[in-house]
Amino acid sequence: VVLSNGSNIPSDQIRLDVNQPFQVYSESQGTYELDLKLFGWLQ
């Protein structure tokens, strides 16, 4: 699962500001997980 939002952060991790869109892309079917953290450290 690849993430992107137009930033220079690596595709496995992106920083989201208020109301900022982001994209999710995958070439493989299946069930995966995304990890959401506040300020980059609080799960």
ModelCIF file with pLDDT and N, C-alpha, C, O atoms, coordinates in Angstrom:
data_MODEL
#
_entry.id   MODEL 
#
_entity.id                         1 
_entity.type                       polymer 
_entity.pdbx_number_of_molecules   1 
#
_entity_poly.entity_id                      1 
_entity_poly.type                           'polypeptide(L)' 
_entity_poly.nstd_linkage                   no 
_entity_poly.nstd_monomer                   no 
_entity_poly.pdbx_seq_one_letter_code       VVLSNGSNIPSDQIRLDVNQPFQVYSESQGTYELDLKLFGWLQ 
_entity_poly.pdbx_seq_one_letter_code_can   VVLSNGSNIPSDQIRLDVNQPFQVYSESQGTYELDLKLFGWLQ 
_entity_poly.pdbx_strand_id                 A 
#
loop_
_entity_poly_seq.entity_id 
_entity_poly_seq.num 
_entity_poly_seq.mon_id 
_entity_poly_seq.hetero 
1 1  VAL n 
1 2  VAL n 
1 3  LEU n 
1 4  SER n 
1 5  ASN n 
1 6  GLY n 
1 7  SER n 
1 8  ASN n 
1 9  ILE n 
1 10 PRO n 
1 11 SER n 
1 12 ASP n 
1 13 GLN n 
1 14 ILE n 
1 15 ARG n 
1 16 LEU n 
1 17 ASP n 
1 18 VAL n 
1 19 ASN n 
1 20 GLN n 
1 21 PRO n 
1 22 PHE n 
1 23 GLN n 
1 24 VAL n 
1 25 TYR n 
1 26 SER n 
1 27 GLU n 
1 28 SER n 
1 29 GLN n 
1 30 GLY n 
1 31 THR n 
1 32 TYR n 
1 33 GLU n 
1 34 LEU n 
1 35 ASP n 
1 36 LEU n 
1 37 LYS n 
1 38 LEU n 
1 39 PHE n 
1 40 GLY n 
1 41 TRP n 
1 42 LEU n 
1 43 GLN n 
#
_struct_asym.id          A 
_struct_asym.entity_id   1 
#
loop_
_ma_qa_metric.id 
_ma_qa_metric.mode 
_ma_qa_metric.name 
_ma_qa_metric.software_group_id 
_ma_qa_metric.type 
1 global pLDDT . pLDDT 
2 local  pLDDT . pLDDT 
#
_ma_qa_metric_global.metric_id      1 
_ma_qa_metric_global.metric_value   75.98 
_ma_qa_metric_global.model_id       1 
_ma_qa_metric_global.ordinal_id     1 
#
loop_
_ma_qa_metric_local.label_asym_id 
_ma_qa_metric_local.label_comp_id 
_ma_qa_metric_local.label_seq_id 
_ma_qa_metric_local.metric_id 
_ma_qa_metric_local.metric_value 
_ma_qa_metric_local.model_id 
_ma_qa_metric_local.ordinal_id 
A VAL 1  2 86.00 1 1  
A VAL 2  2 85.00 1 2  
A LEU 3  2 85.00 1 3  
A SER 4  2 81.00 1 4  
A ASN 5  2 75.00 1 5  
A GLY 6  2 63.00 1 6  
A SER 7  2 57.00 1 7  
A ASN 8  2 52.00 1 8  
A ILE 9  2 50.00 1 9  
A PRO 10 2 51.00 1 10 
A SER 11 2 55.00 1 11 
A ASP 12 2 64.00 1 12 
A GLN 13 2 71.00 1 13 
A ILE 14 2 73.00 1 14 
A ARG 15 2 73.00 1 15 
A LEU 16 2 72.00 1 16 
A ASP 17 2 67.00 1 17 
A VAL 18 2 61.00 1 18 
A ASN 19 2 68.00 1 19 
A GLN 20 2 77.00 1 20 
A PRO 21 2 82.00 1 21 
A PHE 22 2 84.00 1 22 
A GLN 23 2 86.00 1 23 
A VAL 24 2 88.00 1 24 
A TYR 25 2 87.00 1 25 
A SER 26 2 88.00 1 26 
A GLU 27 2 86.00 1 27 
A SER 28 2 86.00 1 28 
A GLN 29 2 89.00 1 29 
A GLY 30 2 90.00 1 30 
A THR 31 2 90.00 1 31 
A TYR 32 2 90.00 1 32 
A GLU 33 2 88.00 1 33 
A LEU 34 2 86.00 1 34 
A ASP 35 2 85.00 1 35 
A LEU 36 2 81.00 1 36 
A LYS 37 2 80.00 1 37 
A LEU 38 2 73.00 1 38 
A PHE 39 2 68.00 1 39 
A GLY 40 2 71.00 1 40 
A TRP 41 2 72.00 1 41 
A LEU 42 2 74.00 1 42 
A GLN 43 2 77.00 1 43 
#
loop_
_atom_site.group_PDB 
_atom_site.id 
_atom_site.type_symbol 
_atom_site.label_atom_id 
_atom_site.label_alt_id 
_atom_site.label_comp_id 
_atom_site.label_asym_id 
_atom_site.label_entity_id 
_atom_site.label_seq_id 
_atom_site.pdbx_PDB_ins_code 
_atom_site.Cartn_x 
_atom_site.Cartn_y 
_atom_site.Cartn_z 
_atom_site.occupancy 
_atom_site.B_iso_or_equiv 
_atom_site.pdbx_formal_charge 
_atom_site.auth_seq_id 
_atom_site.auth_comp_id 
_atom_site.auth_asym_id 
_atom_site.auth_atom_id 
_atom_site.pdbx_PDB_model_num 
ATOM 1   N N  . VAL A 1 1  ? 0.848  -1.191 0.000  1.00 86.00 ? 1  VAL A N  1 
ATOM 2   C CA . VAL A 1 1  ? 0.000  0.000  0.000  1.00 86.00 ? 1  VAL A CA 1 
ATOM 3   C C  . VAL A 1 1  ? 0.882  1.240  0.000  1.00 86.00 ? 1  VAL A C  1 
ATOM 4   O O  . VAL A 1 1  ? 1.704  1.434  0.896  1.00 86.00 ? 1  VAL A O  1 
ATOM 5   N N  . VAL A 1 2  ? 0.700  2.083  -1.026 1.00 85.00 ? 2  VAL A N  1 
ATOM 6   C CA . VAL A 1 2  ? 1.498  3.292  -1.181 1.00 85.00 ? 2  VAL A CA 1 
ATOM 7   C C  . VAL A 1 2  ? 0.633  4.504  -0.878 1.00 85.00 ? 2  VAL A C  1 
ATOM 8   O O  . VAL A 1 2  ? -0.495 4.607  -1.359 1.00 85.00 ? 2  VAL A O  1 
ATOM 9   N N  . LEU A 1 3  ? 1.167  5.425  -0.075 1.00 85.00 ? 3  LEU A N  1 
ATOM 10  C CA . LEU A 1 3  ? 0.467  6.657  0.288  1.00 85.00 ? 3  LEU A CA 1 
ATOM 11  C C  . LEU A 1 3  ? 1.146  7.842  -0.373 1.00 85.00 ? 3  LEU A C  1 
ATOM 12  O O  . LEU A 1 3  ? 2.357  7.823  -0.598 1.00 85.00 ? 3  LEU A O  1 
ATOM 13  N N  . SER A 1 4  ? 0.371  8.873  -0.684 1.00 81.00 ? 4  SER A N  1 
ATOM 14  C CA . SER A 1 4  ? 0.970  10.093 -1.224 1.00 81.00 ? 4  SER A CA 1 
ATOM 15  C C  . SER A 1 4  ? 0.048  11.269 -0.966 1.00 81.00 ? 4  SER A C  1 
ATOM 16  O O  . SER A 1 4  ? -1.171 11.111 -0.887 1.00 81.00 ? 4  SER A O  1 
ATOM 17  N N  . ASN A 1 5  ? 0.638  12.453 -0.837 1.00 75.00 ? 5  ASN A N  1 
ATOM 18  C CA . ASN A 1 5  ? -0.138 13.684 -0.692 1.00 75.00 ? 5  ASN A CA 1 
ATOM 19  C C  . ASN A 1 5  ? 0.593  14.889 -1.270 1.00 75.00 ? 5  ASN A C  1 
ATOM 20  O O  . ASN A 1 5  ? 0.324  16.032 -0.900 1.00 75.00 ? 5  ASN A O  1 
ATOM 21  N N  . GLY A 1 6  ? 1.512  14.618 -2.173 1.00 63.00 ? 6  GLY A N  1 
ATOM 22  C CA . GLY A 1 6  ? 2.225  15.705 -2.814 1.00 63.00 ? 6  GLY A CA 1 
ATOM 23  C C  . GLY A 1 6  ? 3.405  16.217 -2.036 1.00 63.00 ? 6  GLY A C  1 
ATOM 24  O O  . GLY A 1 6  ? 4.060  17.168 -2.463 1.00 63.00 ? 6  GLY A O  1 
ATOM 25  N N  . SER A 1 7  ? 3.699  15.602 -0.888 1.00 57.00 ? 7  SER A N  1 
ATOM 26  C CA . SER A 1 7  ? 4.839  16.053 -0.092 1.00 57.00 ? 7  SER A CA 1 
ATOM 27  C C  . SER A 1 7  ? 6.065  15.228 -0.436 1.00 57.00 ? 7  SER A C  1 
ATOM 28  O O  . SER A 1 7  ? 5.998  14.300 -1.242 1.00 57.00 ? 7  SER A O  1 
ATOM 29  N N  . ASN A 1 8  ? 7.195  15.577 0.188  1.00 52.00 ? 8  ASN A N  1 
ATOM 30  C CA . ASN A 1 8  ? 8.442  14.856 -0.056 1.00 52.00 ? 8  ASN A CA 1 
ATOM 31  C C  . ASN A 1 8  ? 8.681  13.743 0.953  1.00 52.00 ? 8  ASN A C  1 
ATOM 32  O O  . ASN A 1 8  ? 9.742  13.119 0.952  1.00 52.00 ? 8  ASN A O  1 
ATOM 33  N N  . ILE A 1 9  ? 7.697  13.491 1.819  1.00 50.00 ? 9  ILE A N  1 
ATOM 34  C CA . ILE A 1 9  ? 7.850  12.430 2.814  1.00 50.00 ? 9  ILE A CA 1 
ATOM 35  C C  . ILE A 1 9  ? 7.796  11.091 2.095  1.00 50.00 ? 9  ILE A C  1 
ATOM 36  O O  . ILE A 1 9  ? 7.037  10.954 1.136  1.00 50.00 ? 9  ILE A O  1 
ATOM 37  N N  . PRO A 1 10 ? 8.582  10.082 2.524  1.00 51.00 ? 10 PRO A N  1 
ATOM 38  C CA . PRO A 1 10 ? 8.557  8.765  1.877  1.00 51.00 ? 10 PRO A CA 1 
ATOM 39  C C  . PRO A 1 10 ? 7.136  8.226  1.767  1.00 51.00 ? 10 PRO A C  1 
ATOM 40  O O  . PRO A 1 10 ? 6.272  8.532  2.589  1.00 51.00 ? 10 PRO A O  1 
ATOM 41  N N  . SER A 1 11 ? 6.907  7.402  0.716  1.00 55.00 ? 11 SER A N  1 
ATOM 42  C CA . SER A 1 11 ? 5.553  6.968  0.396  1.00 55.00 ? 11 SER A CA 1 
ATOM 43  C C  . SER A 1 11 ? 4.932  6.051  1.435  1.00 55.00 ? 11 SER A C  1 
ATOM 44  O O  . SER A 1 11 ? 3.722  5.827  1.407  1.00 55.00 ? 11 SER A O  1 
ATOM 45  N N  . ASP A 1 12 ? 5.729  5.515  2.349  1.00 64.00 ? 12 ASP A N  1 
ATOM 46  C CA . ASP A 1 12 ? 5.118  4.664  3.371  1.00 64.00 ? 12 ASP A CA 1 
ATOM 47  C C  . ASP A 1 12 ? 4.651  5.486  4.571  1.00 64.00 ? 12 ASP A C  1 
ATOM 48  O O  . ASP A 1 12 ? 4.117  4.931  5.532  1.00 64.00 ? 12 ASP A O  1 
ATOM 49  N N  . GLN A 1 13 ? 4.850  6.811  4.521  1.00 71.00 ? 13 GLN A N  1 
ATOM 50  C CA . GLN A 1 13 ? 4.446  7.664  5.636  1.00 71.00 ? 13 GLN A CA 1 
ATOM 51  C C  . GLN A 1 13 ? 4.177  9.073  5.128  1.00 71.00 ? 13 GLN A C  1 
ATOM 52  O O  . GLN A 1 13 ? 5.015  9.635  4.422  1.00 71.00 ? 13 GLN A O  1 
ATOM 53  N N  . ILE A 1 14 ? 3.035  9.659  5.467  1.00 73.00 ? 14 ILE A N  1 
ATOM 54  C CA . ILE A 1 14 ? 2.722  11.020 5.055  1.00 73.00 ? 14 ILE A CA 1 
ATOM 55  C C  . ILE A 1 14 ? 2.195  11.812 6.238  1.00 73.00 ? 14 ILE A C  1 
ATOM 56  O O  . ILE A 1 14 ? 1.626  11.246 7.172  1.00 73.00 ? 14 ILE A O  1 
ATOM 57  N N  . ARG A 1 15 ? 2.386  13.112 6.194  1.00 73.00 ? 15 ARG A N  1 
ATOM 58  C CA . ARG A 1 15 ? 1.887  14.013 7.220  1.00 73.00 ? 15 ARG A CA 1 
ATOM 59  C C  . ARG A 1 15 ? 0.674  14.733 6.657  1.00 73.00 ? 15 ARG A C  1 
ATOM 60  O O  . ARG A 1 15 ? 0.742  15.321 5.577  1.00 73.00 ? 15 ARG A O  1 
ATOM 61  N N  . LEU A 1 16 ? -0.442 14.688 7.389  1.00 72.00 ? 16 LEU A N  1 
ATOM 62  C CA . LEU A 1 16 ? -1.689 15.284 6.920  1.00 72.00 ? 16 LEU A CA 1 
ATOM 63  C C  . LEU A 1 16 ? -2.021 16.514 7.741  1.00 72.00 ? 16 LEU A C  1 
ATOM 64  O O  . LEU A 1 16 ? -2.132 16.445 8.965  1.00 72.00 ? 16 LEU A O  1 
ATOM 65  N N  . ASP A 1 17 ? -2.179 17.646 7.058  1.00 67.00 ? 17 ASP A N  1 
ATOM 66  C CA . ASP A 1 17 ? -2.649 18.851 7.713  1.00 67.00 ? 17 ASP A CA 1 
ATOM 67  C C  . ASP A 1 17 ? -4.178 18.866 7.672  1.00 67.00 ? 17 ASP A C  1 
ATOM 68  O O  . ASP A 1 17 ? -4.804 17.975 7.096  1.00 67.00 ? 17 ASP A O  1 
ATOM 69  N N  . VAL A 1 18 ? -4.770 19.892 8.292  1.00 61.00 ? 18 VAL A N  1 
ATOM 70  C CA . VAL A 1 18 ? -6.217 19.995 8.354  1.00 61.00 ? 18 VAL A CA 1 
ATOM 71  C C  . VAL A 1 18 ? -6.814 20.016 6.943  1.00 61.00 ? 18 VAL A C  1 
ATOM 72  O O  . VAL A 1 18 ? -6.409 20.811 6.094  1.00 61.00 ? 18 VAL A O  1 
ATOM 73  N N  . ASN A 1 19 ? -7.794 19.117 6.709  1.00 68.00 ? 19 ASN A N  1 
ATOM 74  C CA . ASN A 1 19 ? -8.531 19.057 5.432  1.00 68.00 ? 19 ASN A CA 1 
ATOM 75  C C  . ASN A 1 19 ? -7.652 18.816 4.209  1.00 68.00 ? 19 ASN A C  1 
ATOM 76  O O  . ASN A 1 19 ? -8.013 19.209 3.100  1.00 68.00 ? 19 ASN A O  1 
ATOM 77  N N  . GLN A 1 20 ? -6.519 18.183 4.398  1.00 77.00 ? 20 GLN A N  1 
ATOM 78  C CA . GLN A 1 20 ? -5.627 17.917 3.266  1.00 77.00 ? 20 GLN A CA 1 
ATOM 79  C C  . GLN A 1 20 ? -5.932 16.543 2.673  1.00 77.00 ? 20 GLN A C  1 
ATOM 80  O O  . GLN A 1 20 ? -5.943 15.553 3.405  1.00 77.00 ? 20 GLN A O  1 
ATOM 81  N N  . PRO A 1 21 ? -6.181 16.456 1.352  1.00 82.00 ? 21 PRO A N  1 
ATOM 82  C CA . PRO A 1 21 ? -6.470 15.155 0.742  1.00 82.00 ? 21 PRO A CA 1 
ATOM 83  C C  . PRO A 1 21 ? -5.205 14.306 0.637  1.00 82.00 ? 21 PRO A C  1 
ATOM 84  O O  . PRO A 1 21 ? -4.088 14.824 0.643  1.00 82.00 ? 21 PRO A O  1 
ATOM 85  N N  . PHE A 1 22 ? -5.404 12.992 0.542  1.00 84.00 ? 22 PHE A N  1 
ATOM 86  C CA . PHE A 1 22 ? -4.285 12.085 0.333  1.00 84.00 ? 22 PHE A CA 1 
ATOM 87  C C  . PHE A 1 22 ? -4.753 10.940 -0.551 1.00 84.00 ? 22 PHE A C  1 
ATOM 88  O O  . PHE A 1 22 ? -5.953 10.725 -0.720 1.00 84.00 ? 22 PHE A O  1 
ATOM 89  N N  . GLN A 1 23 ? -3.797 10.205 -1.113 1.00 86.00 ? 23 GLN A N  1 
ATOM 90  C CA . GLN A 1 23 ? -4.101 9.129  -2.039 1.00 86.00 ? 23 GLN A CA 1 
ATOM 91  C C  . GLN A 1 23 ? -3.578 7.800  -1.501 1.00 86.00 ? 23 GLN A C  1 
ATOM 92  O O  . GLN A 1 23 ? -2.540 7.737  -0.842 1.00 86.00 ? 23 GLN A O  1 
ATOM 93  N N  . VAL A 1 24 ? -4.330 6.738  -1.801 1.00 88.00 ? 24 VAL A N  1 
ATOM 94  C CA . VAL A 1 24 ? -3.941 5.377  -1.437 1.00 88.00 ? 24 VAL A CA 1 
ATOM 95  C C  . VAL A 1 24 ? -3.936 4.549  -2.715 1.00 88.00 ? 24 VAL A C  1 
ATOM 96  O O  . VAL A 1 24 ? -4.888 4.592  -3.495 1.00 88.00 ? 24 VAL A O  1 
ATOM 97  N N  . TYR A 1 25 ? -2.856 3.791  -2.926 1.00 87.00 ? 25 TYR A N  1 
ATOM 98  C CA . TYR A 1 25 ? -2.729 2.993  -4.148 1.00 87.00 ? 25 TYR A CA 1 
ATOM 99  C C  . TYR A 1 25 ? -2.135 1.635  -3.813 1.00 87.00 ? 25 TYR A C  1 
ATOM 100 O O  . TYR A 1 25 ? -1.217 1.526  -3.002 1.00 87.00 ? 25 TYR A O  1 
ATOM 101 N N  . SER A 1 26 ? -2.679 0.590  -4.457 1.00 88.00 ? 26 SER A N  1 
ATOM 102 C CA . SER A 1 26 ? -2.126 -0.747 -4.265 1.00 88.00 ? 26 SER A CA 1 
ATOM 103 C C  . SER A 1 26 ? -2.319 -1.562 -5.533 1.00 88.00 ? 26 SER A C  1 
ATOM 104 O O  . SER A 1 26 ? -3.344 -1.454 -6.206 1.00 88.00 ? 26 SER A O  1 
ATOM 105 N N  . GLU A 1 27 ? -1.331 -2.372 -5.848 1.00 86.00 ? 27 GLU A N  1 
ATOM 106 C CA . GLU A 1 27 ? -1.417 -3.275 -6.992 1.00 86.00 ? 27 GLU A CA 1 
ATOM 107 C C  . GLU A 1 27 ? -1.780 -4.688 -6.571 1.00 86.00 ? 27 GLU A C  1 
ATOM 108 O O  . GLU A 1 27 ? -1.871 -5.583 -7.411 1.00 86.00 ? 27 GLU A O  1 
ATOM 109 N N  . SER A 1 28 ? -1.988 -4.897 -5.272 1.00 86.00 ? 28 SER A N  1 
ATOM 110 C CA . SER A 1 28 ? -2.269 -6.246 -4.761 1.00 86.00 ? 28 SER A CA 1 
ATOM 111 C C  . SER A 1 28 ? -3.559 -6.253 -3.970 1.00 86.00 ? 28 SER A C  1 
ATOM 112 O O  . SER A 1 28 ? -3.756 -5.415 -3.089 1.00 86.00 ? 28 SER A O  1 
ATOM 113 N N  . GLN A 1 29 ? -4.449 -7.203 -4.281 1.00 89.00 ? 29 GLN A N  1 
ATOM 114 C CA . GLN A 1 29 ? -5.663 -7.368 -3.491 1.00 89.00 ? 29 GLN A CA 1 
ATOM 115 C C  . GLN A 1 29 ? -5.310 -7.881 -2.099 1.00 89.00 ? 29 GLN A C  1 
ATOM 116 O O  . GLN A 1 29 ? -4.290 -8.540 -1.893 1.00 89.00 ? 29 GLN A O  1 
ATOM 117 N N  . GLY A 1 30 ? -6.186 -7.558 -1.157 1.00 90.00 ? 30 GLY A N  1 
ATOM 118 C CA . GLY A 1 30 ? -5.956 -8.045 0.202  1.00 90.00 ? 30 GLY A CA 1 
ATOM 119 C C  . GLY A 1 30 ? -6.427 -7.027 1.226  1.00 90.00 ? 30 GLY A C  1 
ATOM 120 O O  . GLY A 1 30 ? -7.019 -6.003 0.885  1.00 90.00 ? 30 GLY A O  1 
ATOM 121 N N  . THR A 1 31 ? -6.156 -7.326 2.474  1.00 90.00 ? 31 THR A N  1 
ATOM 122 C CA . THR A 1 31 ? -6.522 -6.451 3.586  1.00 90.00 ? 31 THR A CA 1 
ATOM 123 C C  . THR A 1 31 ? -5.250 -5.960 4.262  1.00 90.00 ? 31 THR A C  1 
ATOM 124 O O  . THR A 1 31 ? -4.402 -6.757 4.661  1.00 90.00 ? 31 THR A O  1 
ATOM 125 N N  . TYR A 1 32 ? -5.124 -4.657 4.387  1.00 90.00 ? 32 TYR A N  1 
ATOM 126 C CA . TYR A 1 32 ? -3.919 -4.056 4.951  1.00 90.00 ? 32 TYR A CA 1 
ATOM 127 C C  . TYR A 1 32 ? -4.315 -3.043 6.017  1.00 90.00 ? 32 TYR A C  1 
ATOM 128 O O  . TYR A 1 32 ? -5.499 -2.781 6.230  1.00 90.00 ? 32 TYR A O  1 
ATOM 129 N N  . GLU A 1 33 ? -3.307 -2.472 6.689  1.00 88.00 ? 33 GLU A N  1 
ATOM 130 C CA . GLU A 1 33 ? -3.583 -1.505 7.742  1.00 88.00 ? 33 GLU A CA 1 
ATOM 131 C C  . GLU A 1 33 ? -2.782 -0.233 7.552  1.00 88.00 ? 33 GLU A C  1 
ATOM 132 O O  . GLU A 1 33 ? -1.627 -0.256 7.127  1.00 88.00 ? 33 GLU A O  1 
ATOM 133 N N  . LEU A 1 34 ? -3.429 0.882  7.880  1.00 86.00 ? 34 LEU A N  1 
ATOM 134 C CA . LEU A 1 34 ? -2.756 2.163  7.972  1.00 86.00 ? 34 LEU A CA 1 
ATOM 135 C C  . LEU A 1 34 ? -2.711 2.566  9.433  1.00 86.00 ? 34 LEU A C  1 
ATOM 136 O O  . LEU A 1 34 ? -3.646 2.302  10.189 1.00 86.00 ? 34 LEU A O  1 
ATOM 137 N N  . ASP A 1 35 ? -1.627 3.203  9.825  1.00 85.00 ? 35 ASP A N  1 
ATOM 138 C CA . ASP A 1 35 ? -1.413 3.594  11.207 1.00 85.00 ? 35 ASP A CA 1 
ATOM 139 C C  . ASP A 1 35 ? -1.574 5.107  11.308 1.00 85.00 ? 35 ASP A C  1 
ATOM 140 O O  . ASP A 1 35 ? -0.878 5.848  10.613 1.00 85.00 ? 35 ASP A O  1 
ATOM 141 N N  . LEU A 1 36 ? -2.484 5.579  12.167 1.00 81.00 ? 36 LEU A N  1 
ATOM 142 C CA . LEU A 1 36 ? -2.747 7.013  12.306 1.00 81.00 ? 36 LEU A CA 1 
ATOM 143 C C  . LEU A 1 36 ? -2.239 7.488  13.666 1.00 81.00 ? 36 LEU A C  1 
ATOM 144 O O  . LEU A 1 36 ? -2.625 6.950  14.703 1.00 81.00 ? 36 LEU A O  1 
ATOM 145 N N  . LYS A 1 37 ? -1.369 8.499  13.651 1.00 80.00 ? 37 LYS A N  1 
ATOM 146 C CA . LYS A 1 37 ? -0.783 9.017  14.889 1.00 80.00 ? 37 LYS A CA 1 
ATOM 147 C C  . LYS A 1 37 ? -0.927 10.521 14.955 1.00 80.00 ? 37 LYS A C  1 
ATOM 148 O O  . LYS A 1 37 ? -0.822 11.216 13.944 1.00 80.00 ? 37 LYS A O  1 
ATOM 149 N N  . LEU A 1 38 ? -1.170 11.017 16.159 1.00 73.00 ? 38 LEU A N  1 
ATOM 150 C CA . LEU A 1 38 ? -1.245 12.445 16.418 1.00 73.00 ? 38 LEU A CA 1 
ATOM 151 C C  . LEU A 1 38 ? 0.148  12.982 16.720 1.00 73.00 ? 38 LEU A C  1 
ATOM 152 O O  . LEU A 1 38 ? 0.876  12.422 17.540 1.00 73.00 ? 38 LEU A O  1 
ATOM 153 N N  . PHE A 1 39 ? 0.512  14.073 16.050 1.00 68.00 ? 39 PHE A N  1 
ATOM 154 C CA . PHE A 1 39 ? 1.829  14.701 16.216 1.00 68.00 ? 39 PHE A CA 1 
ATOM 155 C C  . PHE A 1 39 ? 2.975  13.746 15.882 1.00 68.00 ? 39 PHE A C  1 
ATOM 156 O O  . PHE A 1 39 ? 4.121  13.996 16.255 1.00 68.00 ? 39 PHE A O  1 
ATOM 157 N N  . GLY A 1 40 ? 2.668  12.655 15.180 1.00 71.00 ? 40 GLY A N  1 
ATOM 158 C CA . GLY A 1 40 ? 3.715  11.736 14.759 1.00 71.00 ? 40 GLY A CA 1 
ATOM 159 C C  . GLY A 1 40 ? 4.121  10.698 15.776 1.00 71.00 ? 40 GLY A C  1 
ATOM 160 O O  . GLY A 1 40 ? 4.974  9.860  15.488 1.00 71.00 ? 40 GLY A O  1 
ATOM 161 N N  . TRP A 1 41 ? 3.526  10.729 16.979 1.00 72.00 ? 41 TRP A N  1 
ATOM 162 C CA . TRP A 1 41 ? 3.965  9.760  18.006 1.00 72.00 ? 41 TRP A CA 1 
ATOM 163 C C  . TRP A 1 41 ? 2.832  9.168  18.830 1.00 72.00 ? 41 TRP A C  1 
ATOM 164 O O  . TRP A 1 41 ? 2.983  8.063  19.352 1.00 72.00 ? 41 TRP A O  1 
ATOM 165 N N  . LEU A 1 42 ? 1.684  9.867  18.971 1.00 74.00 ? 42 LEU A N  1 
ATOM 166 C CA . LEU A 1 42 ? 0.598  9.365  19.816 1.00 74.00 ? 42 LEU A CA 1 
ATOM 167 C C  . LEU A 1 42 ? -0.363 8.529  18.981 1.00 74.00 ? 42 LEU A C  1 
ATOM 168 O O  . LEU A 1 42 ? -1.050 9.056  18.106 1.00 74.00 ? 42 LEU A O  1 
ATOM 169 N N  . GLN A 1 43 ? -0.413 7.228  19.249 1.00 77.00 ? 43 GLN A N  1 
ATOM 170 C CA . GLN A 1 43 ? -1.252 6.303  18.483 1.00 77.00 ? 43 GLN A CA 1 
ATOM 171 C C  . GLN A 1 43 ? -2.728 6.647  18.660 1.00 77.00 ? 43 GLN A C  1 
ATOM 172 O O  . GLN A 1 43 ? -3.590 5.978  18.091 1.00 77.00 ? 43 GLN A O  1 
#
